Amino acid sequence: MHGNTITSSNGYKTRPFDNILSEVKQFFEIHAAERTYAGGVHFEMTGQDVTECLGGAQAINEVSLGDRYHTHCDPRLNASQALELAFLIADMLKENFSKTKNFPDMAAVS
């Protein structure tokens, strides 16, 4: 997630949920194209109900960023956004697996 922050029109450092999702999709697409294994992903997140990242099912917008903006560094996904992202990634991986019926040959990767 690093490197995809923007500054909102009202001055908050934030990350758009859709940009994070797009970055993750591209990450897995590149690994699939190169027949390499994506070992995992890392997200800046918290279990708190913060409003630091735009979008997601809660539709956090620029106006609501200041409601619960608590970060002292980089914006984090809140619990709801993190779960939503996890399920979207799981659905994407499941769909890709059902199309290919296999994962990259790990013996060929090492």
PDB file of N, CA and C in Angstrom:
ATOM      1  N   MET A   1       0.803  -1.201   0.000  1.00  0.00           N
ATOM      2  CA  MET A   1       0.000   0.000   0.000  1.00  0.00           C
ATOM      3  C   MET A   1       0.844   1.263   0.000  1.00  0.00           C
ATOM      4  N   HIS A   2       2.111   1.161   0.230  1.00  0.00           N
ATOM      5  CA  HIS A   2       2.928   2.372   0.311  1.00  0.00           C
ATOM      6  C   HIS A   2       3.055   3.022  -1.059  1.00  0.00           C
ATOM      7  N   GLY A   3       3.066   4.336  -1.053  1.00  0.00           N
ATOM      8  CA  GLY A   3       3.287   5.055  -2.296  1.00  0.00           C
ATOM      9  C   GLY A   3       2.020   5.447  -3.024  1.00  0.00           C
ATOM     10  N   ASN A   4       0.860   5.089  -2.507  1.00  0.00           N
ATOM     11  CA  ASN A   4      -0.362   5.450  -3.218  1.00  0.00           C
ATOM     12  C   ASN A   4      -1.215   6.444  -2.437  1.00  0.00           C
ATOM     13  N   THR A   5      -0.565   7.281  -1.638  1.00  0.00           N
ATOM     14  CA  THR A   5      -1.319   8.293  -0.896  1.00  0.00           C
ATOM     15  C   THR A   5      -1.544   9.521  -1.775  1.00  0.00           C
ATOM     16  N   ILE A   6      -2.619  10.211  -1.471  1.00  0.00           N
ATOM     17  CA  ILE A   6      -2.927  11.475  -2.126  1.00  0.00           C
ATOM     18  C   ILE A   6      -3.279  12.473  -1.022  1.00  0.00           C
ATOM     19  N   THR A   7      -3.316  13.729  -1.369  1.00  0.00           N
ATOM     20  CA  THR A   7      -3.801  14.746  -0.441  1.00  0.00           C
ATOM     21  C   THR A   7      -5.178  15.173  -0.918  1.00  0.00           C
ATOM     22  N   SER A   8      -6.159  15.040  -0.040  1.00  0.00           N
ATOM     23  CA  SER A   8      -7.527  15.413  -0.401  1.00  0.00           C
ATOM     24  C   SER A   8      -7.626  16.931  -0.552  1.00  0.00           C
ATOM     25  N   SER A   9      -8.712  17.375  -1.149  1.00  0.00           N
ATOM     26  CA  SER A   9      -8.887  18.818  -1.354  1.00  0.00           C
ATOM     27  C   SER A   9      -8.990  19.576  -0.033  1.00  0.00           C
ATOM     28  N   ASN A  10      -9.341  18.869   1.057  1.00  0.00           N
ATOM     29  CA  ASN A  10      -9.411  19.525   2.365  1.00  0.00           C
ATOM     30  C   ASN A  10      -8.168  19.253   3.223  1.00  0.00           C
ATOM     31  N   GLY A  11      -7.093  18.764   2.579  1.00  0.00           N
ATOM     32  CA  GLY A  11      -5.789  18.703   3.228  1.00  0.00           C
ATOM     33  C   GLY A  11      -5.411  17.423   3.947  1.00  0.00           C
ATOM     34  N   TYR A  12      -6.239  16.387   3.877  1.00  0.00           N
ATOM     35  CA  TYR A  12      -5.921  15.128   4.558  1.00  0.00           C
ATOM     36  C   TYR A  12      -5.109  14.209   3.643  1.00  0.00           C
ATOM     37  N   LYS A  13      -4.076  13.596   4.221  1.00  0.00           N
ATOM     38  CA  LYS A  13      -3.328  12.555   3.524  1.00  0.00           C
ATOM     39  C   LYS A  13      -4.201  11.308   3.571  1.00  0.00           C
ATOM     40  N   THR A  14      -4.528  10.742   2.414  1.00  0.00           N
ATOM     41  CA  THR A  14      -5.473   9.635   2.365  1.00  0.00           C
ATOM     42  C   THR A  14      -5.099   8.654   1.262  1.00  0.00           C
ATOM     43  N   ARG A  15      -5.829   7.578   1.203  1.00  0.00           N
ATOM     44  CA  ARG A  15      -5.682   6.580   0.143  1.00  0.00           C
ATOM     45  C   ARG A  15      -7.079   6.219  -0.347  1.00  0.00           C
ATOM     46  N   PRO A  16      -7.324   6.251  -1.640  1.00  0.00           N
ATOM     47  CA  PRO A  16      -8.610   5.791  -2.157  1.00  0.00           C
ATOM     48  C   PRO A  16      -8.665   4.255  -2.155  1.00  0.00           C
ATOM     49  N   PHE A  17      -9.732   3.712  -1.602  1.00  0.00           N
ATOM     50  CA  PHE A  17      -9.924   2.263  -1.525  1.00  0.00           C
ATOM     51  C   PHE A  17      -9.792   1.630  -2.910  1.00  0.00           C
ATOM     52  N   ASP A  18     -10.402   2.240  -3.920  1.00  0.00           N
ATOM     53  CA  ASP A  18     -10.354   1.668  -5.271  1.00  0.00           C
ATOM     54  C   ASP A  18      -8.930   1.608  -5.814  1.00  0.00           C
ATOM     55  N   ASN A  19      -8.094   2.575  -5.462  1.00  0.00           N
ATOM     56  CA  ASN A  19      -6.692   2.533  -5.893  1.00  0.00           C
ATOM     57  C   ASN A  19      -5.945   1.378  -5.231  1.00  0.00           C
ATOM     58  N   ILE A  20      -6.233   1.149  -3.955  1.00  0.00           N
ATOM     59  CA  ILE A  20      -5.600   0.035  -3.242  1.00  0.00           C
ATOM     60  C   ILE A  20      -6.007  -1.281  -3.889  1.00  0.00           C
ATOM     61  N   LEU A  21      -7.305  -1.448  -4.150  1.00  0.00           N
ATOM     62  CA  LEU A  21      -7.802  -2.672  -4.782  1.00  0.00           C
ATOM     63  C   LEU A  21      -7.174  -2.861  -6.160  1.00  0.00           C
ATOM     64  N   SER A  22      -7.084  -1.801  -6.931  1.00  0.00           N
ATOM     65  CA  SER A  22      -6.473  -1.879  -8.258  1.00  0.00           C
ATOM     66  C   SER A  22      -5.010  -2.305  -8.167  1.00  0.00           C
ATOM     67  N   GLU A  23      -4.286  -1.745  -7.208  1.00  0.00           N
ATOM     68  CA  GLU A  23      -2.876  -2.101  -7.022  1.00  0.00           C
ATOM     69  C   GLU A  23      -2.722  -3.584  -6.680  1.00  0.00           C
ATOM     70  N   VAL A  24      -3.600  -4.088  -5.822  1.00  0.00           N
ATOM     71  CA  VAL A  24      -3.540  -5.499  -5.431  1.00  0.00           C
ATOM     72  C   VAL A  24      -3.857  -6.396  -6.630  1.00  0.00           C
ATOM     73  N   LYS A  25      -4.870  -6.033  -7.404  1.00  0.00           N
ATOM     74  CA  LYS A  25      -5.213  -6.819  -8.599  1.00  0.00           C
ATOM     75  C   LYS A  25      -4.035  -6.864  -9.560  1.00  0.00           C
ATOM     76  N   GLN A  26      -3.398  -5.718  -9.789  1.00  0.00           N
ATOM     77  CA  GLN A  26      -2.243  -5.671 -10.682  1.00  0.00           C
ATOM     78  C   GLN A  26      -1.098  -6.530 -10.157  1.00  0.00           C
ATOM     79  N   PHE A  27      -0.887  -6.508  -8.851  1.00  0.00           N
ATOM     80  CA  PHE A  27       0.145  -7.318  -8.215  1.00  0.00           C
ATOM     81  C   PHE A  27      -0.052  -8.798  -8.549  1.00  0.00           C
ATOM     82  N   PHE A  28      -1.279  -9.292  -8.372  1.00  0.00           N
ATOM     83  CA  PHE A  28      -1.554 -10.700  -8.657  1.00  0.00           C
ATOM     84  C   PHE A  28      -1.525 -10.995 -10.156  1.00  0.00           C
ATOM     85  N   GLU A  29      -1.975 -10.059 -10.986  1.00  0.00           N
ATOM     86  CA  GLU A  29      -1.928 -10.253 -12.439  1.00  0.00           C
ATOM     87  C   GLU A  29      -0.491 -10.370 -12.928  1.00  0.00           C
ATOM     88  N   ILE A  30       0.387  -9.548 -12.398  1.00  0.00           N
ATOM     89  CA  ILE A  30       1.798  -9.605 -12.797  1.00  0.00           C
ATOM     90  C   ILE A  30       2.409 -10.940 -12.384  1.00  0.00           C
ATOM     91  N   HIS A  31       2.128 -11.377 -11.170  1.00  0.00           N
ATOM     92  CA  HIS A  31       2.649 -12.675 -10.735  1.00  0.00           C
ATOM     93  C   HIS A  31       2.110 -13.806 -11.609  1.00  0.00           C
ATOM     94  N   ALA A  32       0.840 -13.757 -11.955  1.00  0.00           N
ATOM     95  CA  ALA A  32       0.258 -14.800 -12.808  1.00  0.00           C
ATOM     96  C   ALA A  32       0.919 -14.790 -14.185  1.00  0.00           C
ATOM     97  N   ALA A  33       1.128 -13.608 -14.746  1.00  0.00           N
ATOM     98  CA  ALA A  33       1.746 -13.496 -16.067  1.00  0.00           C
ATOM     99  C   ALA A  33       3.181 -14.010 -16.062  1.00  0.00           C
ATOM    100  N   GLU A  34       3.876 -13.810 -14.962  1.00  0.00           N
ATOM    101  CA  GLU A  34       5.267 -14.247 -14.853  1.00  0.00           C
ATOM    102  C   GLU A  34       5.402 -15.661 -14.290  1.00  0.00           C
ATOM    103  N   ARG A  35       4.261 -16.263 -13.963  1.00  0.00           N
ATOM    104  CA  ARG A  35       4.219 -17.607 -13.383  1.00  0.00           C
ATOM    105  C   ARG A  35       5.061 -17.682 -12.106  1.00  0.00           C
ATOM    106  N   THR A  36       4.928 -16.649 -11.298  1.00  0.00           N
ATOM    107  CA  THR A  36       5.585 -16.616  -9.997  1.00  0.00           C
ATOM    108  C   THR A  36       4.521 -16.634  -8.915  1.00  0.00           C
ATOM    109  N   TYR A  37       4.946 -16.889  -7.715  1.00  0.00           N
ATOM    110  CA  TYR A  37       4.034 -17.055  -6.588  1.00  0.00           C
ATOM    111  C   TYR A  37       4.001 -15.786  -5.746  1.00  0.00           C
ATOM    112  N   ALA A  38       2.813 -15.230  -5.604  1.00  0.00           N
ATOM    113  CA  ALA A  38       2.631 -14.064  -4.731  1.00  0.00           C
ATOM    114  C   ALA A  38       2.477 -14.581  -3.307  1.00  0.00           C
ATOM    115  N   GLY A  39       3.467 -14.353  -2.487  1.00  0.00           N
ATOM    116  CA  GLY A  39       3.475 -14.923  -1.144  1.00  0.00           C
ATOM    117  C   GLY A  39       2.546 -14.261  -0.156  1.00  0.00           C
ATOM    118  N   GLY A  40       2.046 -13.086  -0.456  1.00  0.00           N
ATOM    119  CA  GLY A  40       1.134 -12.419   0.466  1.00  0.00           C
ATOM    120  C   GLY A  40       1.082 -10.932   0.204  1.00  0.00           C
ATOM    121  N   VAL A  41       0.239 -10.273   0.941  1.00  0.00           N
ATOM    122  CA  VAL A  41       0.086  -8.827   0.833  1.00  0.00           C
ATOM    123  C   VAL A  41       0.112  -8.223   2.237  1.00  0.00           C
ATOM    124  N   HIS A  42       0.417  -6.953   2.312  1.00  0.00           N
ATOM    125  CA  HIS A  42       0.469  -6.236   3.589  1.00  0.00           C
ATOM    126  C   HIS A  42      -0.377  -4.979   3.458  1.00  0.00           C
ATOM    127  N   PHE A  43      -1.228  -4.746   4.437  1.00  0.00           N
ATOM    128  CA  PHE A  43      -2.068  -3.557   4.420  1.00  0.00           C
ATOM    129  C   PHE A  43      -1.846  -2.730   5.671  1.00  0.00           C
ATOM    130  N   GLU A  44      -1.880  -1.426   5.506  1.00  0.00           N
ATOM    131  CA  GLU A  44      -1.911  -0.514   6.642  1.00  0.00           C
ATOM    132  C   GLU A  44      -3.362  -0.494   7.099  1.00  0.00           C
ATOM    133  N   MET A  45      -3.641  -1.041   8.277  1.00  0.00           N
ATOM    134  CA  MET A  45      -5.024  -1.132   8.739  1.00  0.00           C
ATOM    135  C   MET A  45      -5.101  -1.035  10.251  1.00  0.00           C
ATOM    136  N   THR A  46      -6.306  -0.836  10.738  1.00  0.00           N
ATOM    137  CA  THR A  46      -6.572  -0.808  12.169  1.00  0.00           C
ATOM    138  C   THR A  46      -7.946  -1.411  12.413  1.00  0.00           C
ATOM    139  N   GLY A  47      -8.148  -1.923  13.591  1.00  0.00           N
ATOM    140  CA  GLY A  47      -9.462  -2.426  13.967  1.00  0.00           C
ATOM    141  C   GLY A  47     -10.399  -1.320  14.414  1.00  0.00           C
ATOM    142  N   GLN A  48      -9.875  -0.109  14.490  1.00  0.00           N
ATOM    143  CA  GLN A  48     -10.687   1.035  14.902  1.00  0.00           C
ATOM    144  C   GLN A  48     -11.549   1.533  13.743  1.00  0.00           C
ATOM    145  N   ASP A  49     -12.635   2.200  14.078  1.00  0.00           N
ATOM    146  CA  ASP A  49     -13.547   2.731  13.067  1.00  0.00           C
ATOM    147  C   ASP A  49     -13.078   4.118  12.633  1.00  0.00           C
ATOM    148  N   VAL A  50     -11.919   4.161  11.974  1.00  0.00           N
ATOM    149  CA  VAL A  50     -11.352   5.430  11.533  1.00  0.00           C
ATOM    150  C   VAL A  50     -11.891   5.813  10.154  1.00  0.00           C
ATOM    151  N   THR A  51     -11.701   7.063   9.806  1.00  0.00           N
ATOM    152  CA  THR A  51     -12.067   7.553   8.470  1.00  0.00           C
ATOM    153  C   THR A  51     -10.818   8.158   7.843  1.00  0.00           C
ATOM    154  N   GLU A  52      -9.889   7.304   7.449  1.00  0.00           N
ATOM    155  CA  GLU A  52      -8.608   7.771   6.915  1.00  0.00           C
ATOM    156  C   GLU A  52      -8.435   7.449   5.434  1.00  0.00           C
ATOM    157  N   CYS A  53      -9.110   6.404   4.947  1.00  0.00           N
ATOM    158  CA  CYS A  53      -9.050   6.029   3.534  1.00  0.00           C
ATOM    159  C   CYS A  53     -10.415   6.272   2.898  1.00  0.00           C
ATOM    160  N   LEU A  54     -10.399   6.819   1.698  1.00  0.00           N
ATOM    161  CA  LEU A  54     -11.630   7.116   0.974  1.00  0.00           C
ATOM    162  C   LEU A  54     -12.269   5.853   0.417  1.00  0.00           C
ATOM    163  N   GLY A  55     -13.597   5.840   0.354  1.00  0.00           N
ATOM    164  CA  GLY A  55     -14.310   4.788  -0.352  1.00  0.00           C
ATOM    165  C   GLY A  55     -14.604   3.562   0.473  1.00  0.00           C
ATOM    166  N   GLY A  56     -14.782   2.454  -0.246  1.00  0.00           N
ATOM    167  CA  GLY A  56     -15.211   1.220   0.391  1.00  0.00           C
ATOM    168  C   GLY A  56     -16.718   1.224   0.553  1.00  0.00           C
ATOM    169  N   ALA A  57     -17.240   0.166   1.142  1.00  0.00           N
ATOM    170  CA  ALA A  57     -18.690   0.025   1.309  1.00  0.00           C
ATOM    171  C   ALA A  57     -19.281   1.149   2.157  1.00  0.00           C
ATOM    172  N   GLN A  58     -18.489   1.707   3.063  1.00  0.00           N
ATOM    173  CA  GLN A  58     -18.969   2.815   3.892  1.00  0.00           C
ATOM    174  C   GLN A  58     -19.013   4.138   3.125  1.00  0.00           C
ATOM    175  N   ALA A  59     -18.471   4.128   1.926  1.00  0.00           N
ATOM    176  CA  ALA A  59     -18.465   5.313   1.054  1.00  0.00           C
ATOM    177  C   ALA A  59     -17.898   6.549   1.770  1.00  0.00           C
ATOM    178  N   ILE A  60     -16.757   6.372   2.413  1.00  0.00           N
ATOM    179  CA  ILE A  60     -16.103   7.506   3.079  1.00  0.00           C
ATOM    180  C   ILE A  60     -15.662   8.498   2.003  1.00  0.00           C
ATOM    181  N   ASN A  61     -16.058   9.744   2.168  1.00  0.00           N
ATOM    182  CA  ASN A  61     -15.704  10.769   1.192  1.00  0.00           C
ATOM    183  C   ASN A  61     -14.816  11.824   1.846  1.00  0.00           C
ATOM    184  N   GLU A  62     -14.408  12.803   1.063  1.00  0.00           N
ATOM    185  CA  GLU A  62     -13.496  13.822   1.589  1.00  0.00           C
ATOM    186  C   GLU A  62     -14.099  14.581   2.765  1.00  0.00           C
ATOM    187  N   VAL A  63     -15.394  14.814   2.735  1.00  0.00           N
ATOM    188  CA  VAL A  63     -16.049  15.548   3.821  1.00  0.00           C
ATOM    189  C   VAL A  63     -15.966  14.767   5.131  1.00  0.00           C
ATOM    190  N   SER A  64     -16.110  13.442   5.050  1.00  0.00           N
ATOM    191  CA  SER A  64     -16.120  12.624   6.275  1.00  0.00           C
ATOM    192  C   SER A  64     -14.729  12.201   6.742  1.00  0.00           C
ATOM    193  N   LEU A  65     -13.681  12.535   5.992  1.00  0.00           N
ATOM    194  CA  LEU A  65     -12.324  12.157   6.415  1.00  0.00           C
ATOM    195  C   LEU A  65     -12.005  12.667   7.817  1.00  0.00           C
ATOM    196  N   GLY A  66     -12.400  13.868   8.130  1.00  0.00           N
ATOM    197  CA  GLY A  66     -12.066  14.468   9.416  1.00  0.00           C
ATOM    198  C   GLY A  66     -12.853  13.933  10.596  1.00  0.00           C
ATOM    199  N   ASP A  67     -13.891  13.132  10.341  1.00  0.00           N
ATOM    200  CA  ASP A  67     -14.733  12.624  11.435  1.00  0.00           C
ATOM    201  C   ASP A  67     -13.937  11.817  12.457  1.00  0.00           C
ATOM    202  N   ARG A  68     -13.121  10.902  11.972  1.00  0.00           N
ATOM    203  CA  ARG A  68     -12.330  10.033  12.865  1.00  0.00           C
ATOM    204  C   ARG A  68     -10.944   9.788  12.239  1.00  0.00           C
ATOM    205  N   TYR A  69     -10.276  10.850  11.913  1.00  0.00           N
ATOM    206  CA  TYR A  69      -8.938  10.783  11.323  1.00  0.00           C
ATOM    207  C   TYR A  69      -7.931  10.816  12.465  1.00  0.00           C
ATOM    208  N   HIS A  70      -7.367   9.656  12.819  1.00  0.00           N
ATOM    209  CA  HIS A  70      -6.521   9.551  14.010  1.00  0.00           C
ATOM    210  C   HIS A  70      -5.060   9.218  13.725  1.00  0.00           C
ATOM    211  N   THR A  71      -4.700   8.971  12.489  1.00  0.00           N
ATOM    212  CA  THR A  71      -3.339   8.537  12.197  1.00  0.00           C
ATOM    213  C   THR A  71      -2.329   9.650  12.478  1.00  0.00           C
ATOM    214  N   HIS A  72      -1.145   9.235  12.902  1.00  0.00           N
ATOM    215  CA  HIS A  72      -0.046  10.177  13.105  1.00  0.00           C
ATOM    216  C   HIS A  72       0.978  10.057  11.981  1.00  0.00           C
ATOM    217  N   CYS A  73       0.697   9.151  11.035  1.00  0.00           N
ATOM    218  CA  CYS A  73       1.640   8.927   9.938  1.00  0.00           C
ATOM    219  C   CYS A  73       0.864   8.715   8.647  1.00  0.00           C
ATOM    220  N   ASP A  74       0.679   7.463   8.259  1.00  0.00           N
ATOM    221  CA  ASP A  74      -0.006   7.152   7.008  1.00  0.00           C
ATOM    222  C   ASP A  74      -1.441   6.714   7.261  1.00  0.00           C
ATOM    223  N   PRO A  75      -2.339   7.002   6.311  1.00  0.00           N
ATOM    224  CA  PRO A  75      -3.734   6.600   6.468  1.00  0.00           C
ATOM    225  C   PRO A  75      -3.887   5.083   6.428  1.00  0.00           C
ATOM    226  N   ARG A  76      -4.806   4.581   7.265  1.00  0.00           N
ATOM    227  CA  ARG A  76      -5.029   3.139   7.395  1.00  0.00           C
ATOM    228  C   ARG A  76      -6.451   2.785   6.982  1.00  0.00           C
ATOM    229  N   LEU A  77      -6.598   1.586   6.444  1.00  0.00           N
ATOM    230  CA  LEU A  77      -7.933   1.047   6.229  1.00  0.00           C
ATOM    231  C   LEU A  77      -8.568   0.821   7.588  1.00  0.00           C
ATOM    232  N   ASN A  78      -9.871   1.062   7.708  1.00  0.00           N
ATOM    233  CA  ASN A  78     -10.550   0.702   8.951  1.00  0.00           C
ATOM    234  C   ASN A  78     -10.937  -0.774   8.886  1.00  0.00           C
ATOM    235  N   ALA A  79     -11.490  -1.303   9.949  1.00  0.00           N
ATOM    236  CA  ALA A  79     -11.802  -2.737  10.010  1.00  0.00           C
ATOM    237  C   ALA A  79     -12.736  -3.158   8.888  1.00  0.00           C
ATOM    238  N   SER A  80     -13.757  -2.369   8.625  1.00  0.00           N
ATOM    239  CA  SER A  80     -14.723  -2.691   7.577  1.00  0.00           C
ATOM    240  C   SER A  80     -14.062  -2.703   6.199  1.00  0.00           C
ATOM    241  N   GLN A  81     -13.247  -1.703   5.919  1.00  0.00           N
ATOM    242  CA  GLN A  81     -12.552  -1.638   4.634  1.00  0.00           C
ATOM    243  C   GLN A  81     -11.562  -2.791   4.481  1.00  0.00           C
ATOM    244  N   ALA A  82     -10.865  -3.139   5.555  1.00  0.00           N
ATOM    245  CA  ALA A  82      -9.894  -4.235   5.498  1.00  0.00           C
ATOM    246  C   ALA A  82     -10.591  -5.561   5.208  1.00  0.00           C
ATOM    247  N   LEU A  83     -11.714  -5.807   5.874  1.00  0.00           N
ATOM    248  CA  LEU A  83     -12.472  -7.036   5.607  1.00  0.00           C
ATOM    249  C   LEU A  83     -13.014  -7.051   4.188  1.00  0.00           C
ATOM    250  N   GLU A  84     -13.540  -5.924   3.746  1.00  0.00           N
ATOM    251  CA  GLU A  84     -14.051  -5.833   2.381  1.00  0.00           C
ATOM    252  C   GLU A  84     -12.948  -6.146   1.375  1.00  0.00           C
ATOM    253  N   LEU A  85     -11.782  -5.563   1.576  1.00  0.00           N
ATOM    254  CA  LEU A  85     -10.656  -5.804   0.682  1.00  0.00           C
ATOM    255  C   LEU A  85     -10.242  -7.274   0.705  1.00  0.00           C
ATOM    256  N   ALA A  86     -10.199  -7.870   1.889  1.00  0.00           N
ATOM    257  CA  ALA A  86      -9.826  -9.283   2.006  1.00  0.00           C
ATOM    258  C   ALA A  86     -10.798 -10.176   1.241  1.00  0.00           C
ATOM    259  N   PHE A  87     -12.090  -9.911   1.366  1.00  0.00           N
ATOM    260  CA  PHE A  87     -13.074 -10.732   0.659  1.00  0.00           C
ATOM    261  C   PHE A  87     -13.013 -10.509  -0.849  1.00  0.00           C
ATOM    262  N   LEU A  88     -12.784  -9.283  -1.297  1.00  0.00           N
ATOM    263  CA  LEU A  88     -12.650  -9.024  -2.729  1.00  0.00           C
ATOM    264  C   LEU A  88     -11.425  -9.738  -3.298  1.00  0.00           C
ATOM    265  N   ILE A  89     -10.331  -9.729  -2.562  1.00  0.00           N
ATOM    266  CA  ILE A  89      -9.123 -10.437  -3.006  1.00  0.00           C
ATOM    267  C   ILE A  89      -9.384 -11.940  -3.043  1.00  0.00           C
ATOM    268  N   ALA A  90     -10.030 -12.470  -2.010  1.00  0.00           N
ATOM    269  CA  ALA A  90     -10.338 -13.905  -1.975  1.00  0.00           C
ATOM    270  C   ALA A  90     -11.210 -14.296  -3.158  1.00  0.00           C
ATOM    271  N   ASP A  91     -12.215 -13.489  -3.469  1.00  0.00           N
ATOM    272  CA  ASP A  91     -13.077 -13.769  -4.622  1.00  0.00           C
ATOM    273  C   ASP A  91     -12.281 -13.750  -5.919  1.00  0.00           C
ATOM    274  N   MET A  92     -11.381 -12.782  -6.056  1.00  0.00           N
ATOM    275  CA  MET A  92     -10.559 -12.683  -7.254  1.00  0.00           C
ATOM    276  C   MET A  92      -9.653 -13.909  -7.393  1.00  0.00           C
ATOM    277  N   LEU A  93      -9.016 -14.319  -6.303  1.00  0.00           N
ATOM    278  CA  LEU A  93      -8.136 -15.487  -6.353  1.00  0.00           C
ATOM    279  C   LEU A  93      -8.921 -16.756  -6.653  1.00  0.00           C
ATOM    280  N   LYS A  94     -10.096 -16.871  -6.056  1.00  0.00           N
ATOM    281  CA  LYS A  94     -10.947 -18.038  -6.298  1.00  0.00           C
ATOM    282  C   LYS A  94     -11.365 -18.099  -7.767  1.00  0.00           C
ATOM    283  N   GLU A  95     -11.743 -16.956  -8.330  1.00  0.00           N
ATOM    284  CA  GLU A  95     -12.142 -16.903  -9.739  1.00  0.00           C
ATOM    285  C   GLU A  95     -10.977 -17.268 -10.651  1.00  0.00           C
ATOM    286  N   ASN A  96      -9.797 -16.719 -10.367  1.00  0.00           N
ATOM    287  CA  ASN A  96      -8.619 -17.031 -11.178  1.00  0.00           C
ATOM    288  C   ASN A  96      -8.254 -18.504 -11.069  1.00  0.00           C
ATOM    289  N   PHE A  97      -8.363 -19.072  -9.874  1.00  0.00           N
ATOM    290  CA  PHE A  97      -8.054 -20.484  -9.686  1.00  0.00           C
ATOM    291  C   PHE A  97      -9.045 -21.353 -10.452  1.00  0.00           C
ATOM    292  N   SER A  98     -10.323 -20.978 -10.447  1.00  0.00           N
ATOM    293  CA  SER A  98     -11.322 -21.790 -11.143  1.00  0.00           C
ATOM    294  C   SER A  98     -11.109 -21.756 -12.653  1.00  0.00           C
ATOM    295  N   LYS A  99     -10.510 -20.686 -13.165  1.00  0.00           N
ATOM    296  CA  LYS A  99     -10.216 -20.595 -14.598  1.00  0.00           C
ATOM    297  C   LYS A  99      -9.011 -21.450 -14.973  1.00  0.00           C
ATOM    298  N   THR A 100      -7.982 -21.434 -14.134  1.00  0.00           N
ATOM    299  CA  THR A 100      -6.738 -22.116 -14.481  1.00  0.00           C
ATOM    300  C   THR A 100      -6.622 -23.503 -13.880  1.00  0.00           C
ATOM    301  N   LYS A 101      -7.332 -23.750 -12.785  1.00  0.00           N
ATOM    302  CA  LYS A 101      -7.302 -25.030 -12.065  1.00  0.00           C
ATOM    303  C   LYS A 101      -5.921 -25.402 -11.558  1.00  0.00           C
ATOM    304  N   ASN A 102      -5.017 -24.453 -11.551  1.00  0.00           N
ATOM    305  CA  ASN A 102      -3.701 -24.753 -10.989  1.00  0.00           C
ATOM    306  C   ASN A 102      -3.009 -23.477 -10.532  1.00  0.00           C
ATOM    307  N   PHE A 103      -2.015 -23.655  -9.734  1.00  0.00           N
ATOM    308  CA  PHE A 103      -1.166 -22.563  -9.298  1.00  0.00           C
ATOM    309  C   PHE A 103       0.173 -22.715 -10.009  1.00  0.00           C
ATOM    310  N   PRO A 104       1.001 -21.694 -10.011  1.00  0.00           N
ATOM    311  CA  PRO A 104       2.311 -21.831 -10.647  1.00  0.00           C
ATOM    312  C   PRO A 104       3.092 -23.006 -10.064  1.00  0.00           C
ATOM    313  N   ASP A 105       3.877 -23.648 -10.904  1.00  0.00           N
ATOM    314  CA  ASP A 105       4.727 -24.754 -10.478  1.00  0.00           C
ATOM    315  C   ASP A 105       5.856 -24.190  -9.625  1.00  0.00           C
ATOM    316  N   MET A 106       5.781 -24.421  -8.321  1.00  0.00           N
ATOM    317  CA  MET A 106       6.758 -23.839  -7.404  1.00  0.00           C
ATOM    318  C   MET A 106       8.159 -24.392  -7.620  1.00  0.00           C
ATOM    319  N   ALA A 107       8.280 -25.602  -8.136  1.00  0.00           N
ATOM    320  CA  ALA A 107       9.605 -26.164  -8.407  1.00  0.00           C
ATOM    321  C   ALA A 107      10.296 -25.356  -9.503  1.00  0.00           C
ATOM    322  N   ALA A 108       9.514 -24.862 -10.455  1.00  0.00           N
ATOM    323  CA  ALA A 108      10.083 -24.077 -11.544  1.00  0.00           C
ATOM    324  C   ALA A 108      10.454 -22.669 -11.094  1.00  0.00           C
ATOM    325  N   VAL A 109       9.826 -22.200 -10.032  1.00  0.00           N
ATOM    326  CA  VAL A 109      10.063 -20.843  -9.549  1.00  0.00           C
ATOM    327  C   VAL A 109      11.367 -20.747  -8.773  1.00  0.00           C
ATOM    328  N   SER A 110      11.706 -21.780  -8.007  1.00  0.00           N
ATOM    329  CA  SER A 110      12.880 -21.695  -7.127  1.00  0.00           C
ATOM    330  C   SER A 110      14.191 -21.813  -7.844  1.00  0.00           C
TER     331      SER A 110
END
